């Protein structure tokens, strides 16, 4: 059996943290190495432990989840951060995605679905709670009124990378599929985000699906 991924829980509700710890430990894929009630505590522990994954509440006293997420993406960018919250508010979802969240899940998720989504995130895929997909699509439509993305010039490799992101491939799997390095994939992802004026892999995937990739973009496999 492979070594479990180290997981850090940051949520101001002790009972929820205990339940999540039991859920993730029971699955065998994760090892909970820390459980704290605030963003500042989470940052301090993450500096010490460098976990593979952080489960982060959005609304907490003191340093809130969004500010904590921004710190992780700036100072520990290799750590996957999944927002787990009760909020389905449009402004919260979009703010978290633009700050680089690797996943945005709701606390009323079924345990099995939550485990599957978090597992996907730690393997480099992005996950959005299904209940929020319409909200994200609506946001993209509004932003498309100010930017004609159909005229954006993408290279062949960028189109291939975008299509694979839309299929849920991680950077490692994209690299393997295209016969390139993980670092090169990261460069393509960065270029895609810049060219399409997007902030996250989730938005890239949603844009690709709305645009009809891979069929409409001639992706070679």
N, C-alpha and C. Protein backbone atom coordinates (compact mmCIF):
# COMPACT_ATOMS: atom_id res chain seq x y z
N UNK A 1 0.84 -1.20 0.00
CA UNK A 1 0.00 0.00 0.00
C UNK A 1 0.88 1.25 0.00
N UNK A 2 0.50 2.25 -0.78
CA UNK A 2 1.30 3.47 -0.88
C UNK A 2 1.24 4.27 0.42
N UNK A 3 2.24 5.13 0.59
CA UNK A 3 2.31 5.98 1.78
C UNK A 3 1.16 6.98 1.77
N UNK A 4 0.45 7.14 2.88
CA UNK A 4 -0.67 8.10 2.93
C UNK A 4 -0.20 9.53 2.73
N UNK A 5 -1.08 10.35 2.20
CA UNK A 5 -0.80 11.78 2.06
C UNK A 5 -1.04 12.48 3.40
N UNK A 6 -0.11 13.35 3.80
CA UNK A 6 -0.29 14.13 5.02
C UNK A 6 -1.33 15.21 4.80
N UNK A 7 -2.28 15.29 5.71
CA UNK A 7 -3.42 16.20 5.56
C UNK A 7 -3.53 17.08 6.80
N UNK A 8 -3.78 18.37 6.58
CA UNK A 8 -3.96 19.34 7.66
C UNK A 8 -5.37 19.89 7.61
N UNK A 9 -6.08 19.85 8.74
CA UNK A 9 -7.44 20.37 8.83
C UNK A 9 -7.43 21.73 9.50
N UNK A 10 -8.08 22.72 8.86
CA UNK A 10 -8.20 24.06 9.44
C UNK A 10 -9.68 24.45 9.43
N UNK A 11 -10.29 24.42 10.61
CA UNK A 11 -11.72 24.73 10.74
C UNK A 11 -11.98 25.09 12.19
N UNK A 12 -12.84 26.08 12.42
CA UNK A 12 -13.05 26.54 13.79
C UNK A 12 -14.11 25.73 14.54
N UNK A 13 -14.59 24.63 13.96
CA UNK A 13 -15.56 23.78 14.64
C UNK A 13 -14.90 22.45 15.04
N UNK A 14 -14.61 22.26 16.33
CA UNK A 14 -13.88 21.07 16.77
C UNK A 14 -14.59 19.76 16.43
N UNK A 15 -15.91 19.73 16.54
CA UNK A 15 -16.65 18.50 16.27
C UNK A 15 -16.53 18.11 14.80
N UNK A 16 -16.60 19.10 13.93
CA UNK A 16 -16.45 18.83 12.50
C UNK A 16 -15.04 18.32 12.20
N UNK A 17 -14.04 18.94 12.81
CA UNK A 17 -12.67 18.50 12.57
C UNK A 17 -12.48 17.05 13.01
N UNK A 18 -13.07 16.71 14.13
CA UNK A 18 -12.94 15.33 14.61
C UNK A 18 -13.59 14.35 13.65
N UNK A 19 -14.78 14.71 13.16
CA UNK A 19 -15.47 13.84 12.21
C UNK A 19 -14.70 13.69 10.90
N UNK A 20 -14.15 14.81 10.42
CA UNK A 20 -13.36 14.75 9.19
C UNK A 20 -12.10 13.91 9.37
N UNK A 21 -11.46 14.07 10.52
CA UNK A 21 -10.25 13.29 10.78
C UNK A 21 -10.55 11.80 10.76
N UNK A 22 -11.65 11.40 11.38
CA UNK A 22 -12.03 9.99 11.40
C UNK A 22 -12.34 9.49 9.98
N UNK A 23 -13.02 10.33 9.20
CA UNK A 23 -13.39 9.96 7.83
C UNK A 23 -12.14 9.74 6.98
N UNK A 24 -11.22 10.69 7.02
CA UNK A 24 -10.03 10.59 6.17
C UNK A 24 -9.07 9.51 6.63
N UNK A 25 -8.93 9.34 7.93
CA UNK A 25 -8.04 8.29 8.44
C UNK A 25 -8.58 6.91 8.09
N UNK A 26 -9.89 6.75 8.14
CA UNK A 26 -10.50 5.43 7.88
C UNK A 26 -10.29 4.99 6.44
N UNK A 27 -10.19 5.95 5.51
CA UNK A 27 -10.03 5.59 4.11
C UNK A 27 -8.67 5.05 3.77
N UNK A 28 -7.66 5.37 4.58
CA UNK A 28 -6.31 4.86 4.37
C UNK A 28 -5.45 5.66 3.42
N UNK A 29 -6.05 6.57 2.64
CA UNK A 29 -5.26 7.34 1.68
C UNK A 29 -4.60 8.55 2.33
N UNK A 30 -5.15 8.98 3.48
CA UNK A 30 -4.66 10.19 4.14
C UNK A 30 -4.26 9.91 5.59
N UNK A 31 -3.31 10.72 6.04
CA UNK A 31 -2.91 10.70 7.45
C UNK A 31 -3.06 12.13 7.97
N UNK A 32 -3.95 12.33 8.93
CA UNK A 32 -4.17 13.67 9.47
C UNK A 32 -3.03 14.02 10.42
N UNK A 33 -2.23 15.00 10.02
CA UNK A 33 -1.05 15.37 10.80
C UNK A 33 -1.28 16.60 11.65
N UNK A 34 -2.43 17.26 11.46
CA UNK A 34 -2.72 18.44 12.24
C UNK A 34 -4.18 18.81 12.14
N UNK A 35 -4.71 19.39 13.20
CA UNK A 35 -6.11 19.81 13.25
C UNK A 35 -6.19 21.07 14.10
N UNK A 36 -6.43 22.22 13.46
CA UNK A 36 -6.39 23.50 14.17
C UNK A 36 -7.63 24.33 13.85
N UNK A 37 -7.84 25.36 14.66
CA UNK A 37 -9.09 26.12 14.60
C UNK A 37 -8.98 27.48 13.93
N UNK A 38 -7.79 27.85 13.44
CA UNK A 38 -7.65 29.17 12.84
C UNK A 38 -6.62 29.15 11.72
N UNK A 39 -6.72 30.16 10.86
CA UNK A 39 -5.78 30.27 9.76
C UNK A 39 -4.36 30.47 10.23
N UNK A 40 -4.16 31.31 11.26
CA UNK A 40 -2.81 31.58 11.75
C UNK A 40 -2.17 30.32 12.32
N UNK A 41 -2.95 29.52 13.05
CA UNK A 41 -2.43 28.25 13.56
C UNK A 41 -2.10 27.29 12.41
N UNK A 42 -2.95 27.29 11.41
CA UNK A 42 -2.73 26.42 10.26
C UNK A 42 -1.45 26.78 9.52
N UNK A 43 -1.20 28.07 9.34
CA UNK A 43 0.01 28.51 8.66
C UNK A 43 1.25 28.10 9.44
N UNK A 44 1.21 28.32 10.75
CA UNK A 44 2.36 27.96 11.58
C UNK A 44 2.65 26.46 11.50
N UNK A 45 1.60 25.65 11.53
CA UNK A 45 1.79 24.19 11.48
C UNK A 45 2.24 23.75 10.09
N UNK A 46 1.71 24.39 9.06
CA UNK A 46 2.09 24.03 7.70
C UNK A 46 3.55 24.32 7.44
N UNK A 47 4.05 25.42 8.00
CA UNK A 47 5.48 25.73 7.85
C UNK A 47 6.34 24.60 8.42
N UNK A 48 5.86 24.01 9.49
CA UNK A 48 6.62 22.96 10.16
C UNK A 48 6.47 21.61 9.46
N UNK A 49 5.25 21.29 9.00
CA UNK A 49 4.95 19.94 8.52
C UNK A 49 4.94 19.79 7.00
N UNK A 50 4.71 20.88 6.27
CA UNK A 50 4.58 20.83 4.80
C UNK A 50 3.66 19.69 4.36
N UNK A 51 2.40 19.75 4.72
CA UNK A 51 1.46 18.68 4.34
C UNK A 51 1.23 18.65 2.83
N UNK A 52 0.74 17.54 2.33
CA UNK A 52 0.41 17.46 0.90
C UNK A 52 -0.89 18.18 0.60
N UNK A 53 -1.78 18.21 1.60
CA UNK A 53 -3.13 18.73 1.37
C UNK A 53 -3.64 19.45 2.60
N UNK A 54 -4.38 20.53 2.37
CA UNK A 54 -5.04 21.28 3.45
C UNK A 54 -6.54 21.33 3.16
N UNK A 55 -7.33 20.99 4.16
CA UNK A 55 -8.78 21.19 4.10
C UNK A 55 -9.07 22.45 4.89
N UNK A 56 -9.66 23.44 4.25
CA UNK A 56 -9.74 24.78 4.82
C UNK A 56 -11.17 25.31 4.83
N UNK A 57 -11.61 25.74 6.01
CA UNK A 57 -12.90 26.43 6.12
C UNK A 57 -12.72 27.85 5.59
N UNK A 58 -13.79 28.43 5.08
CA UNK A 58 -13.69 29.77 4.49
C UNK A 58 -13.92 30.87 5.52
N UNK A 59 -14.91 30.69 6.38
CA UNK A 59 -15.28 31.74 7.33
C UNK A 59 -14.87 31.33 8.74
N UNK A 60 -13.82 31.98 9.25
CA UNK A 60 -13.31 31.70 10.59
C UNK A 60 -12.95 33.01 11.26
N UNK A 61 -13.00 33.07 12.60
CA UNK A 61 -12.55 34.27 13.31
C UNK A 61 -11.06 34.51 13.05
N UNK A 62 -10.65 35.77 13.15
CA UNK A 62 -9.24 36.07 12.95
C UNK A 62 -8.88 36.02 11.48
N UNK A 63 -7.77 35.37 11.15
CA UNK A 63 -7.34 35.24 9.76
C UNK A 63 -8.31 34.30 9.05
N UNK A 64 -9.07 34.83 8.11
CA UNK A 64 -10.12 34.01 7.49
C UNK A 64 -9.54 33.06 6.44
N UNK A 65 -10.43 32.23 5.90
CA UNK A 65 -9.99 31.20 4.98
C UNK A 65 -9.39 31.76 3.69
N UNK A 66 -9.95 32.85 3.18
CA UNK A 66 -9.46 33.41 1.93
C UNK A 66 -8.03 33.92 2.10
N UNK A 67 -7.77 34.65 3.18
CA UNK A 67 -6.42 35.15 3.43
C UNK A 67 -5.45 33.99 3.66
N UNK A 68 -5.92 32.95 4.32
CA UNK A 68 -5.08 31.77 4.55
C UNK A 68 -4.76 31.07 3.23
N UNK A 69 -5.77 30.94 2.38
CA UNK A 69 -5.58 30.34 1.06
C UNK A 69 -4.55 31.13 0.25
N UNK A 70 -4.67 32.44 0.26
CA UNK A 70 -3.72 33.28 -0.48
C UNK A 70 -2.30 33.08 0.03
N UNK A 71 -2.13 32.92 1.35
CA UNK A 71 -0.80 32.67 1.90
C UNK A 71 -0.24 31.36 1.38
N UNK A 72 -1.06 30.29 1.40
CA UNK A 72 -0.58 28.99 0.93
C UNK A 72 -0.16 29.07 -0.54
N UNK A 73 -0.95 29.71 -1.37
CA UNK A 73 -0.64 29.77 -2.80
C UNK A 73 0.59 30.62 -3.08
N UNK A 74 0.90 31.53 -2.18
CA UNK A 74 2.09 32.37 -2.34
C UNK A 74 3.34 31.71 -1.73
N UNK A 75 3.20 31.14 -0.52
CA UNK A 75 4.36 30.65 0.22
C UNK A 75 4.58 29.14 0.14
N UNK A 76 3.51 28.37 -0.05
CA UNK A 76 3.63 26.91 -0.18
C UNK A 76 2.78 26.46 -1.37
N UNK A 77 3.15 26.87 -2.57
CA UNK A 77 2.29 26.63 -3.75
C UNK A 77 2.13 25.16 -4.12
N UNK A 78 3.01 24.29 -3.63
CA UNK A 78 2.89 22.87 -3.96
C UNK A 78 1.88 22.13 -3.07
N UNK A 79 1.39 22.79 -2.05
CA UNK A 79 0.38 22.20 -1.17
C UNK A 79 -1.00 22.38 -1.80
N UNK A 80 -1.74 21.30 -1.96
CA UNK A 80 -3.11 21.40 -2.48
C UNK A 80 -4.02 21.93 -1.38
N UNK A 81 -4.88 22.87 -1.71
CA UNK A 81 -5.79 23.46 -0.73
C UNK A 81 -7.22 23.30 -1.22
N UNK A 82 -8.02 22.58 -0.43
CA UNK A 82 -9.42 22.38 -0.74
C UNK A 82 -10.27 23.16 0.26
N UNK A 83 -11.08 24.07 -0.26
CA UNK A 83 -12.01 24.81 0.60
C UNK A 83 -13.22 23.92 0.87
N UNK A 84 -13.52 23.72 2.14
CA UNK A 84 -14.70 22.96 2.57
C UNK A 84 -15.53 23.89 3.44
N UNK A 85 -16.67 24.30 2.94
CA UNK A 85 -17.42 25.37 3.58
C UNK A 85 -18.93 25.13 3.47
N UNK A 86 -19.69 25.87 4.26
CA UNK A 86 -21.14 25.83 4.15
C UNK A 86 -21.65 26.85 3.14
N UNK A 87 -20.76 27.73 2.66
CA UNK A 87 -21.18 28.84 1.82
C UNK A 87 -21.20 28.48 0.34
N UNK A 88 -22.37 28.67 -0.26
CA UNK A 88 -22.50 28.53 -1.71
C UNK A 88 -22.69 29.90 -2.35
N UNK A 89 -22.33 30.96 -1.61
CA UNK A 89 -22.49 32.32 -2.11
C UNK A 89 -21.56 32.57 -3.29
N UNK A 90 -22.08 33.20 -4.30
CA UNK A 90 -21.33 33.46 -5.52
C UNK A 90 -19.99 34.14 -5.24
N UNK A 91 -20.01 35.18 -4.39
CA UNK A 91 -18.79 35.94 -4.14
C UNK A 91 -17.73 35.09 -3.44
N UNK A 92 -18.16 34.18 -2.57
CA UNK A 92 -17.21 33.31 -1.88
C UNK A 92 -16.58 32.31 -2.84
N UNK A 93 -17.41 31.70 -3.67
CA UNK A 93 -16.91 30.70 -4.63
C UNK A 93 -15.90 31.34 -5.57
N UNK A 94 -16.27 32.48 -6.17
CA UNK A 94 -15.38 33.11 -7.14
C UNK A 94 -14.11 33.63 -6.50
N UNK A 95 -14.21 34.16 -5.29
CA UNK A 95 -13.01 34.66 -4.61
C UNK A 95 -12.04 33.51 -4.32
N UNK A 96 -12.56 32.38 -3.89
CA UNK A 96 -11.70 31.23 -3.59
C UNK A 96 -11.05 30.68 -4.85
N UNK A 97 -11.80 30.59 -5.93
CA UNK A 97 -11.25 30.07 -7.18
C UNK A 97 -10.18 31.01 -7.72
N UNK A 98 -10.43 32.29 -7.63
CA UNK A 98 -9.45 33.26 -8.14
C UNK A 98 -8.21 33.31 -7.27
N UNK A 99 -8.34 32.91 -6.01
CA UNK A 99 -7.17 32.84 -5.12
C UNK A 99 -6.38 31.55 -5.34
N UNK A 100 -6.93 30.63 -6.17
CA UNK A 100 -6.18 29.43 -6.51
C UNK A 100 -6.59 28.16 -5.81
N UNK A 101 -7.79 28.12 -5.22
CA UNK A 101 -8.23 26.90 -4.55
C UNK A 101 -8.21 25.72 -5.52
N UNK A 102 -7.73 24.57 -5.03
CA UNK A 102 -7.69 23.37 -5.85
C UNK A 102 -9.04 22.65 -5.85
N UNK A 103 -9.90 23.02 -4.93
CA UNK A 103 -11.23 22.46 -4.88
C UNK A 103 -12.12 23.34 -4.02
N UNK A 104 -13.42 23.32 -4.31
CA UNK A 104 -14.39 24.07 -3.50
C UNK A 104 -15.56 23.13 -3.28
N UNK A 105 -15.69 22.64 -2.04
CA UNK A 105 -16.70 21.64 -1.71
C UNK A 105 -17.57 22.14 -0.57
N UNK A 106 -18.81 21.64 -0.54
CA UNK A 106 -19.75 22.07 0.49
C UNK A 106 -19.82 21.06 1.62
N UNK A 107 -20.09 21.56 2.81
CA UNK A 107 -20.07 20.70 4.00
C UNK A 107 -21.23 19.72 4.06
N UNK A 108 -22.23 19.90 3.20
CA UNK A 108 -23.33 18.94 3.18
C UNK A 108 -23.08 17.82 2.16
N UNK A 109 -21.83 17.72 1.66
CA UNK A 109 -21.49 16.64 0.72
C UNK A 109 -21.61 15.28 1.39
N UNK A 110 -21.95 14.27 0.62
CA UNK A 110 -21.94 12.90 1.13
C UNK A 110 -20.50 12.49 1.42
N UNK A 111 -20.26 11.73 2.50
CA UNK A 111 -18.88 11.36 2.86
C UNK A 111 -18.10 10.71 1.72
N UNK A 112 -18.72 9.80 0.99
CA UNK A 112 -18.02 9.12 -0.10
C UNK A 112 -17.65 10.10 -1.21
N UNK A 113 -18.57 11.02 -1.52
CA UNK A 113 -18.29 12.01 -2.56
C UNK A 113 -17.18 12.96 -2.12
N UNK A 114 -17.18 13.31 -0.84
CA UNK A 114 -16.14 14.19 -0.31
C UNK A 114 -14.77 13.52 -0.39
N UNK A 115 -14.70 12.27 0.01
CA UNK A 115 -13.43 11.53 -0.08
C UNK A 115 -12.93 11.46 -1.52
N UNK A 116 -13.82 11.16 -2.44
CA UNK A 116 -13.43 11.03 -3.84
C UNK A 116 -12.92 12.37 -4.39
N UNK A 117 -13.60 13.44 -4.04
CA UNK A 117 -13.22 14.76 -4.54
C UNK A 117 -11.88 15.19 -3.97
N UNK A 118 -11.67 14.97 -2.68
CA UNK A 118 -10.41 15.34 -2.05
C UNK A 118 -9.27 14.49 -2.60
N UNK A 119 -9.53 13.23 -2.84
CA UNK A 119 -8.52 12.34 -3.44
C UNK A 119 -8.12 12.86 -4.82
N UNK A 120 -9.09 13.29 -5.60
CA UNK A 120 -8.80 13.83 -6.93
C UNK A 120 -7.92 15.08 -6.82
N UNK A 121 -8.22 15.93 -5.85
CA UNK A 121 -7.47 17.17 -5.69
C UNK A 121 -6.01 16.91 -5.33
N UNK A 122 -5.77 15.95 -4.45
CA UNK A 122 -4.39 15.69 -4.03
C UNK A 122 -3.59 15.05 -5.15
N UNK A 123 -4.28 14.51 -6.16
CA UNK A 123 -3.60 13.95 -7.32
C UNK A 123 -3.52 14.96 -8.48
N UNK A 124 -3.81 16.22 -8.17
CA UNK A 124 -3.60 17.27 -9.15
C UNK A 124 -4.81 17.67 -9.96
N UNK A 125 -5.96 17.09 -9.68
CA UNK A 125 -7.17 17.48 -10.38
C UNK A 125 -7.91 18.55 -9.58
N UNK A 126 -8.78 19.29 -10.24
CA UNK A 126 -9.56 20.33 -9.58
C UNK A 126 -11.00 19.86 -9.43
N UNK A 127 -11.60 20.16 -8.30
CA UNK A 127 -12.96 19.70 -8.06
C UNK A 127 -13.82 20.83 -7.50
N UNK A 128 -14.99 20.99 -8.12
CA UNK A 128 -15.99 21.95 -7.68
C UNK A 128 -17.25 21.19 -7.32
N UNK A 129 -17.87 21.53 -6.20
CA UNK A 129 -19.11 20.88 -5.83
C UNK A 129 -20.10 20.97 -6.99
N UNK A 130 -20.71 19.85 -7.37
CA UNK A 130 -21.63 19.86 -8.53
C UNK A 130 -22.73 20.91 -8.43
N UNK A 131 -23.14 21.23 -7.21
CA UNK A 131 -24.21 22.22 -7.04
C UNK A 131 -23.77 23.62 -7.48
N UNK A 132 -22.47 23.83 -7.65
CA UNK A 132 -21.96 25.16 -7.96
C UNK A 132 -21.53 25.32 -9.42
N UNK A 133 -21.67 24.27 -10.21
CA UNK A 133 -21.21 24.33 -11.60
C UNK A 133 -21.98 25.36 -12.42
N UNK A 134 -23.27 25.49 -12.18
CA UNK A 134 -24.08 26.47 -12.91
C UNK A 134 -23.61 27.89 -12.58
N UNK A 135 -23.27 28.11 -11.31
CA UNK A 135 -22.79 29.43 -10.89
C UNK A 135 -21.51 29.79 -11.62
N UNK A 136 -20.58 28.84 -11.72
CA UNK A 136 -19.31 29.10 -12.38
C UNK A 136 -19.53 29.37 -13.87
N UNK A 137 -20.39 28.58 -14.49
CA UNK A 137 -20.67 28.78 -15.92
C UNK A 137 -21.28 30.17 -16.16
N UNK A 138 -22.16 30.60 -15.26
CA UNK A 138 -22.78 31.92 -15.38
C UNK A 138 -21.73 33.02 -15.28
N UNK A 139 -20.80 32.85 -14.35
CA UNK A 139 -19.74 33.85 -14.19
C UNK A 139 -18.88 33.95 -15.44
N UNK A 140 -18.57 32.79 -16.03
CA UNK A 140 -17.77 32.80 -17.25
C UNK A 140 -18.50 33.49 -18.40
N UNK A 141 -19.80 33.25 -18.51
CA UNK A 141 -20.58 33.90 -19.57
C UNK A 141 -20.52 35.41 -19.44
N UNK A 142 -20.65 35.90 -18.20
CA UNK A 142 -20.62 37.34 -17.98
C UNK A 142 -19.26 37.92 -18.35
N UNK A 143 -18.19 37.21 -18.01
CA UNK A 143 -16.86 37.71 -18.32
C UNK A 143 -16.55 37.63 -19.80
N UNK A 144 -17.20 36.72 -20.50
CA UNK A 144 -16.99 36.60 -21.94
C UNK A 144 -17.57 37.79 -22.70
N UNK A 145 -18.50 38.54 -22.07
CA UNK A 145 -19.03 39.71 -22.74
C UNK A 145 -18.00 40.83 -22.84
N UNK A 146 -16.96 40.76 -22.01
CA UNK A 146 -15.92 41.79 -22.04
C UNK A 146 -14.64 41.30 -22.68
N UNK A 147 -14.58 40.02 -23.06
CA UNK A 147 -13.37 39.49 -23.70
C UNK A 147 -13.78 38.40 -24.69
N UNK A 148 -13.47 38.62 -25.95
CA UNK A 148 -13.80 37.64 -26.97
C UNK A 148 -12.72 36.57 -26.99
N UNK A 149 -12.91 35.52 -26.15
CA UNK A 149 -11.86 34.52 -26.02
C UNK A 149 -11.75 33.62 -27.25
N UNK A 150 -12.78 33.61 -28.10
CA UNK A 150 -12.69 32.77 -29.28
C UNK A 150 -11.57 33.22 -30.20
N UNK A 151 -11.12 34.46 -30.05
CA UNK A 151 -10.08 35.00 -30.92
C UNK A 151 -8.70 34.92 -30.27
N UNK A 152 -8.63 34.37 -29.07
CA UNK A 152 -7.34 34.21 -28.40
C UNK A 152 -6.52 33.14 -29.12
N UNK A 153 -5.27 33.44 -29.38
CA UNK A 153 -4.40 32.51 -30.07
C UNK A 153 -3.75 31.56 -29.08
N UNK A 154 -4.04 30.26 -29.21
CA UNK A 154 -3.42 29.23 -28.38
C UNK A 154 -2.53 28.36 -29.26
N UNK A 155 -1.40 27.97 -28.71
CA UNK A 155 -0.54 27.04 -29.44
C UNK A 155 -1.15 25.65 -29.41
N UNK A 156 -0.63 24.77 -30.25
CA UNK A 156 -1.13 23.40 -30.28
C UNK A 156 -0.98 22.73 -28.93
N UNK A 157 0.19 22.89 -28.30
CA UNK A 157 0.41 22.29 -26.98
C UNK A 157 -0.53 22.88 -25.93
N UNK A 158 -0.79 24.17 -26.02
CA UNK A 158 -1.72 24.79 -25.08
C UNK A 158 -3.12 24.23 -25.26
N UNK A 159 -3.53 24.03 -26.50
CA UNK A 159 -4.86 23.45 -26.76
C UNK A 159 -4.93 22.01 -26.23
N UNK A 160 -3.86 21.26 -26.43
CA UNK A 160 -3.83 19.89 -25.92
C UNK A 160 -3.91 19.87 -24.40
N UNK A 161 -3.14 20.75 -23.77
CA UNK A 161 -3.13 20.83 -22.31
C UNK A 161 -4.50 21.21 -21.78
N UNK A 162 -5.13 22.19 -22.41
CA UNK A 162 -6.45 22.65 -21.99
C UNK A 162 -7.48 21.54 -22.10
N UNK A 163 -7.43 20.79 -23.18
CA UNK A 163 -8.38 19.69 -23.37
C UNK A 163 -8.22 18.63 -22.28
N UNK A 164 -6.98 18.34 -21.92
CA UNK A 164 -6.73 17.33 -20.89
C UNK A 164 -7.13 17.83 -19.50
N UNK A 165 -6.93 19.12 -19.25
CA UNK A 165 -7.42 19.70 -17.99
C UNK A 165 -8.93 19.54 -17.90
N UNK A 166 -9.62 19.77 -19.03
CA UNK A 166 -11.08 19.64 -19.07
C UNK A 166 -11.53 18.22 -18.77
N UNK A 167 -10.65 17.23 -19.08
CA UNK A 167 -10.98 15.84 -18.81
C UNK A 167 -10.59 15.42 -17.39
N UNK A 168 -10.02 16.35 -16.61
CA UNK A 168 -9.69 16.06 -15.22
C UNK A 168 -8.29 15.50 -15.01
N UNK A 169 -7.42 15.62 -16.02
CA UNK A 169 -6.05 15.11 -15.89
C UNK A 169 -5.23 16.02 -14.96
N UNK A 170 -4.40 15.42 -14.14
CA UNK A 170 -3.44 16.17 -13.33
C UNK A 170 -2.26 16.58 -14.20
N UNK A 171 -1.39 17.47 -13.69
CA UNK A 171 -0.21 17.87 -14.45
C UNK A 171 0.67 16.67 -14.78
N UNK A 172 0.80 15.76 -13.83
CA UNK A 172 1.65 14.59 -14.05
C UNK A 172 1.09 13.72 -15.17
N UNK A 173 -0.22 13.53 -15.19
CA UNK A 173 -0.83 12.72 -16.23
C UNK A 173 -0.80 13.42 -17.59
N UNK A 174 -0.95 14.75 -17.58
CA UNK A 174 -0.83 15.51 -18.82
C UNK A 174 0.58 15.36 -19.39
N UNK A 175 1.57 15.47 -18.51
CA UNK A 175 2.96 15.33 -18.95
C UNK A 175 3.20 13.96 -19.58
N UNK A 176 2.65 12.93 -18.94
CA UNK A 176 2.82 11.58 -19.46
C UNK A 176 2.11 11.42 -20.81
N UNK A 177 0.91 12.00 -20.91
CA UNK A 177 0.13 11.88 -22.15
C UNK A 177 0.82 12.57 -23.33
N UNK A 178 1.43 13.73 -23.05
CA UNK A 178 2.01 14.53 -24.12
C UNK A 178 3.51 14.28 -24.29
N UNK A 179 4.11 13.50 -23.40
CA UNK A 179 5.53 13.20 -23.51
C UNK A 179 6.42 14.38 -23.19
N UNK A 180 5.99 15.19 -22.21
CA UNK A 180 6.77 16.36 -21.80
C UNK A 180 6.94 16.33 -20.29
N UNK A 181 7.70 17.28 -19.74
CA UNK A 181 7.97 17.29 -18.30
C UNK A 181 6.83 17.97 -17.53
N UNK A 182 6.75 17.66 -16.22
CA UNK A 182 5.76 18.32 -15.36
C UNK A 182 5.96 19.84 -15.39
N UNK A 183 7.23 20.27 -15.39
CA UNK A 183 7.52 21.70 -15.39
C UNK A 183 7.01 22.40 -16.64
N UNK A 184 7.11 21.71 -17.78
CA UNK A 184 6.60 22.29 -19.02
C UNK A 184 5.09 22.41 -18.98
N UNK A 185 4.42 21.42 -18.39
CA UNK A 185 2.97 21.49 -18.25
C UNK A 185 2.58 22.70 -17.41
N UNK A 186 3.32 22.93 -16.32
CA UNK A 186 3.03 24.08 -15.46
C UNK A 186 3.15 25.38 -16.23
N UNK A 187 4.13 25.45 -17.13
CA UNK A 187 4.29 26.66 -17.95
C UNK A 187 3.09 26.84 -18.87
N UNK A 188 2.63 25.75 -19.49
CA UNK A 188 1.45 25.84 -20.37
C UNK A 188 0.22 26.28 -19.59
N UNK A 189 0.04 25.74 -18.40
CA UNK A 189 -1.11 26.12 -17.57
C UNK A 189 -1.05 27.61 -17.23
N UNK A 190 0.14 28.07 -16.88
CA UNK A 190 0.31 29.49 -16.56
C UNK A 190 -0.03 30.36 -17.77
N UNK A 191 0.42 29.95 -18.96
CA UNK A 191 0.11 30.71 -20.17
C UNK A 191 -1.38 30.72 -20.46
N UNK A 192 -2.05 29.57 -20.25
CA UNK A 192 -3.49 29.49 -20.49
C UNK A 192 -4.26 30.42 -19.56
N UNK A 193 -3.90 30.42 -18.30
CA UNK A 193 -4.58 31.29 -17.34
C UNK A 193 -4.42 32.75 -17.74
N UNK A 194 -3.22 33.10 -18.19
CA UNK A 194 -2.96 34.49 -18.58
C UNK A 194 -3.72 34.86 -19.85
N UNK A 195 -3.64 34.01 -20.87
CA UNK A 195 -4.27 34.32 -22.15
C UNK A 195 -5.79 34.39 -22.05
N UNK A 196 -6.37 33.53 -21.22
CA UNK A 196 -7.83 33.47 -21.11
C UNK A 196 -8.37 34.32 -19.97
N UNK A 197 -7.45 35.00 -19.28
CA UNK A 197 -7.84 35.88 -18.17
C UNK A 197 -8.63 35.12 -17.10
N UNK A 198 -8.12 33.93 -16.76
CA UNK A 198 -8.74 33.10 -15.74
C UNK A 198 -7.78 32.92 -14.57
N UNK A 199 -8.29 32.38 -13.46
CA UNK A 199 -7.48 32.32 -12.25
C UNK A 199 -7.23 30.90 -11.74
N UNK A 200 -7.93 29.91 -12.24
CA UNK A 200 -7.81 28.58 -11.64
C UNK A 200 -8.03 27.48 -12.68
N UNK A 201 -7.59 26.27 -12.35
CA UNK A 201 -7.82 25.11 -13.22
C UNK A 201 -9.31 24.84 -13.39
N UNK A 202 -10.09 25.09 -12.34
CA UNK A 202 -11.53 24.88 -12.42
C UNK A 202 -12.14 25.78 -13.50
N UNK A 203 -11.70 27.04 -13.53
CA UNK A 203 -12.22 27.95 -14.55
C UNK A 203 -11.74 27.53 -15.94
N UNK A 204 -10.50 27.05 -16.04
CA UNK A 204 -10.01 26.55 -17.32
C UNK A 204 -10.87 25.39 -17.83
N UNK A 205 -11.15 24.45 -16.93
CA UNK A 205 -11.96 23.29 -17.32
C UNK A 205 -13.36 23.72 -17.75
N UNK A 206 -13.96 24.64 -17.00
CA UNK A 206 -15.31 25.10 -17.35
C UNK A 206 -15.30 25.83 -18.69
N UNK A 207 -14.28 26.66 -18.93
CA UNK A 207 -14.20 27.38 -20.20
C UNK A 207 -14.03 26.40 -21.36
N UNK A 208 -13.19 25.39 -21.16
CA UNK A 208 -12.96 24.40 -22.22
C UNK A 208 -14.26 23.68 -22.59
N UNK A 209 -15.03 23.28 -21.58
CA UNK A 209 -16.30 22.60 -21.84
C UNK A 209 -17.28 23.52 -22.57
N UNK A 210 -17.32 24.79 -22.17
CA UNK A 210 -18.23 25.74 -22.83
C UNK A 210 -17.82 25.99 -24.28
N UNK A 211 -16.52 25.87 -24.56
CA UNK A 211 -16.01 26.15 -25.89
C UNK A 211 -15.99 24.93 -26.79
N UNK A 212 -16.36 23.78 -26.25
CA UNK A 212 -16.44 22.59 -27.06
C UNK A 212 -15.16 21.80 -27.21
N UNK A 213 -14.16 22.05 -26.38
CA UNK A 213 -12.94 21.25 -26.46
C UNK A 213 -13.23 19.82 -26.05
N UNK A 214 -12.54 18.80 -26.60
CA UNK A 214 -11.44 18.98 -27.54
C UNK A 214 -11.86 19.07 -29.00
N UNK A 215 -13.12 18.74 -29.34
CA UNK A 215 -13.49 18.58 -30.74
C UNK A 215 -13.27 19.86 -31.55
N UNK A 216 -13.63 21.00 -30.98
CA UNK A 216 -13.59 22.23 -31.75
C UNK A 216 -12.21 22.85 -31.83
N UNK A 217 -11.24 22.24 -31.19
CA UNK A 217 -9.93 22.86 -31.16
C UNK A 217 -8.85 21.95 -31.72
N UNK A 218 -9.24 20.87 -32.37
CA UNK A 218 -8.26 20.08 -33.07
C UNK A 218 -7.19 19.49 -32.19
N UNK A 219 -7.53 19.02 -31.02
CA UNK A 219 -6.54 18.49 -30.11
C UNK A 219 -6.05 17.14 -30.61
N UNK A 220 -4.76 16.98 -30.68
CA UNK A 220 -4.15 15.72 -31.11
C UNK A 220 -3.83 14.88 -29.88
N UNK A 221 -4.18 13.62 -29.89
CA UNK A 221 -3.96 12.77 -28.73
C UNK A 221 -2.95 11.69 -29.06
